[in-house]
Amino acid sequence: MHSKLDKYILLLQTLRIDHAHGEAPHKPVLLLSLLELIQLGFYPDNKIRVTPELVRTFKSTWESLVTTKHHCNMALPFYHLKSEPFWELIPKSGYEKIMEMKLEMRSLKSLKKALDYAIIDPDLFEAISKPSQNMILRQTILDQYFPG
């Protein structure tokens, strides 16, 4: 296996997840959605914007995988992925301070208003873009967070 790929496999297996009400599935669902859309060419580079396709894919993935009572809210993982070393939020000009207020980022409307895009680490984006590595990353997430 590739050492860069191994690094991302480990990072995906150890996502910082909220356990207050059972293991929150939001980050894994968002990442699975991105894996699908990047593979389909919806994101030609590592700048991830909130698009209708992403929202639709997130909801569809959620419906097919999540069996807990968590609420389907894509704003939560999009914002909270900033705690992972491979995800960086780029705010719109003038919204730098509000992006630090996590309570303000609980809805897609607020997120879209304040956020320009998120950046995925270029090496991870490259891995996701390769079908064989995308499949390995997808299976890693499924095995770790949705073993059923």
Protein backbone atom coordinates (compact mmCIF):
# COMPACT_ATOMS: atom_id res chain seq x y z
CA MET A 1 0.00 0.00 0.00
CA HIS A 2 1.05 3.62 -0.43
CA SER A 3 2.28 5.50 2.65
CA LYS A 4 0.18 8.59 1.80
CA LEU A 5 -2.89 6.41 1.41
CA ASP A 6 -2.10 4.67 4.70
CA LYS A 7 -1.98 8.07 6.40
CA TYR A 8 -5.47 8.96 5.17
CA ILE A 9 -6.87 5.55 6.00
CA LEU A 10 -5.74 6.08 9.59
CA LEU A 11 -7.15 9.63 9.67
CA LEU A 12 -10.50 8.42 8.35
CA GLN A 13 -10.60 5.61 10.90
CA THR A 14 -9.99 8.05 13.75
CA LEU A 15 -12.27 10.98 12.94
CA ARG A 16 -13.13 13.21 15.88
CA ILE A 17 -16.77 12.27 16.33
CA ASP A 18 -19.34 13.49 18.85
CA HIS A 19 -20.29 10.63 21.18
CA ALA A 20 -22.73 12.58 23.39
CA HIS A 21 -25.80 10.84 21.92
CA GLY A 22 -24.17 7.79 20.40
CA GLU A 23 -21.59 7.95 17.63
CA ALA A 24 -22.59 10.83 15.34
CA PRO A 25 -22.55 9.69 11.69
CA HIS A 26 -22.36 13.17 10.14
CA LYS A 27 -18.65 13.35 9.21
CA PRO A 28 -18.51 9.85 7.70
CA VAL A 29 -21.66 10.51 5.66
CA LEU A 30 -20.28 13.80 4.35
CA LEU A 31 -16.96 12.19 3.46
CA LEU A 32 -18.70 9.31 1.65
CA SER A 33 -20.74 11.89 -0.26
CA LEU A 34 -17.59 13.76 -1.26
CA LEU A 35 -15.86 10.55 -2.32
CA GLU A 36 -18.75 9.87 -4.67
CA LEU A 37 -18.96 13.39 -6.11
CA ILE A 38 -15.22 13.81 -6.58
CA GLN A 39 -15.12 10.47 -8.38
CA LEU A 40 -17.96 11.66 -10.64
CA GLY A 41 -16.05 14.88 -11.46
CA PHE A 42 -18.26 17.38 -9.59
CA TYR A 43 -15.18 18.82 -7.89
CA PRO A 44 -12.32 19.36 -10.37
CA ASP A 45 -10.02 20.60 -7.61
CA ASN A 46 -9.71 20.41 -3.85
CA LYS A 47 -11.98 23.42 -3.20
CA ILE A 48 -15.20 22.02 -1.79
CA ARG A 49 -18.22 24.27 -2.01
CA VAL A 50 -21.68 23.58 -0.65
CA THR A 51 -23.61 22.72 -3.81
CA PRO A 52 -27.08 21.29 -4.44
CA GLU A 53 -25.40 18.06 -5.60
CA LEU A 54 -23.51 17.77 -2.33
CA VAL A 55 -26.62 18.43 -0.24
CA ARG A 56 -28.62 15.90 -2.29
CA THR A 57 -25.89 13.26 -2.10
CA PHE A 58 -25.47 13.81 1.65
CA LYS A 59 -29.22 13.32 2.22
CA SER A 60 -29.31 10.23 0.03
CA THR A 61 -26.27 8.69 1.71
CA TRP A 62 -27.74 9.53 5.12
CA GLU A 63 -31.03 7.83 4.28
CA SER A 64 -29.29 4.69 3.08
CA LEU A 65 -26.83 4.31 5.98
CA VAL A 66 -27.96 6.07 9.17
CA THR A 67 -30.18 4.12 11.54
CA THR A 68 -29.71 6.26 14.65
CA LYS A 69 -31.94 9.13 15.77
CA HIS A 70 -29.40 11.78 14.76
CA HIS A 71 -30.72 14.63 12.60
CA CYS A 72 -29.64 14.92 8.99
CA ASN A 73 -27.81 18.27 8.94
CA MET A 74 -24.93 18.71 6.52
CA ALA A 75 -23.85 22.06 8.02
CA LEU A 76 -22.60 20.29 11.15
CA PRO A 77 -19.96 18.04 9.57
CA PHE A 78 -18.98 20.56 6.93
CA TYR A 79 -18.09 23.00 9.69
CA HIS A 80 -16.74 20.52 12.24
CA LEU A 81 -14.45 18.75 9.80
CA LYS A 82 -12.15 21.71 10.45
CA SER A 83 -10.98 19.74 13.50
CA GLU A 84 -9.44 17.18 11.12
CA PRO A 85 -5.94 17.80 9.74
CA PHE A 86 -7.04 17.39 6.11
CA TRP A 87 -9.87 20.00 6.07
CA GLU A 88 -9.62 23.80 6.14
CA LEU A 89 -12.46 26.29 5.99
CA ILE A 90 -11.99 29.43 3.89
CA PRO A 91 -14.45 32.14 4.98
CA LYS A 92 -15.80 34.86 2.76
CA SER A 93 -14.22 38.26 3.27
CA GLY A 94 -15.64 39.89 6.39
CA TYR A 95 -16.85 36.61 7.91
CA GLU A 96 -13.59 35.44 9.48
CA LYS A 97 -14.78 36.00 13.08
CA ILE A 98 -18.24 34.52 12.63
CA MET A 99 -16.69 31.33 11.24
CA GLU A 100 -15.16 30.75 14.67
CA MET A 101 -18.60 30.81 16.35
CA LYS A 102 -19.76 27.23 15.98
CA LEU A 103 -23.29 28.02 17.14
CA GLU A 104 -23.65 30.37 14.17
CA MET A 105 -22.72 27.57 11.75
CA ARG A 106 -25.55 25.15 12.53
CA SER A 107 -27.56 25.73 9.35
CA LEU A 108 -26.72 25.49 5.67
CA LYS A 109 -28.00 29.03 5.16
CA SER A 110 -25.54 30.43 7.73
CA LEU A 111 -22.72 28.27 6.43
CA LYS A 112 -23.24 29.36 2.82
CA LYS A 113 -23.44 33.00 3.89
CA ALA A 114 -20.10 32.92 5.75
CA LEU A 115 -18.11 30.25 3.92
CA ASP A 116 -16.43 30.54 0.56
CA TYR A 117 -15.29 26.91 0.46
CA ALA A 118 -13.36 24.22 2.29
CA ILE A 119 -10.02 22.87 1.13
CA ILE A 120 -9.17 19.19 1.28
CA ASP A 121 -5.50 18.34 1.64
CA PRO A 122 -4.12 18.04 -1.94
CA ASP A 123 -2.72 14.53 -1.33
CA LEU A 124 -6.09 13.32 -0.03
CA PHE A 125 -7.85 14.91 -3.00
CA GLU A 126 -5.43 13.12 -5.34
CA ALA A 127 -6.14 9.79 -3.61
CA ILE A 128 -9.90 10.36 -3.80
CA SER A 129 -9.58 11.16 -7.50
CA LYS A 130 -8.04 7.76 -8.26
CA PRO A 131 -10.77 5.09 -8.56
CA SER A 132 -8.82 2.33 -6.80
CA GLN A 133 -7.82 4.54 -3.88
CA ASN A 134 -11.29 6.08 -3.70
CA MET A 135 -12.73 2.58 -3.30
CA ILE A 136 -10.27 1.79 -0.50
CA LEU A 137 -11.11 5.05 1.32
CA ARG A 138 -14.85 4.46 0.86
CA GLN A 139 -14.59 0.92 2.24
CA THR A 140 -12.49 2.20 5.16
CA ILE A 141 -15.27 4.61 6.16
CA LEU A 142 -18.00 2.03 5.69
CA ASP A 143 -16.14 -0.61 7.73
CA GLN A 144 -15.30 1.81 10.52
CA TYR A 145 -18.59 3.68 10.94
CA PHE A 146 -21.26 1.56 9.24
CA PRO A 147 -20.17 -2.07 9.76
CA GLY A 148 -23.70 -3.41 9.18
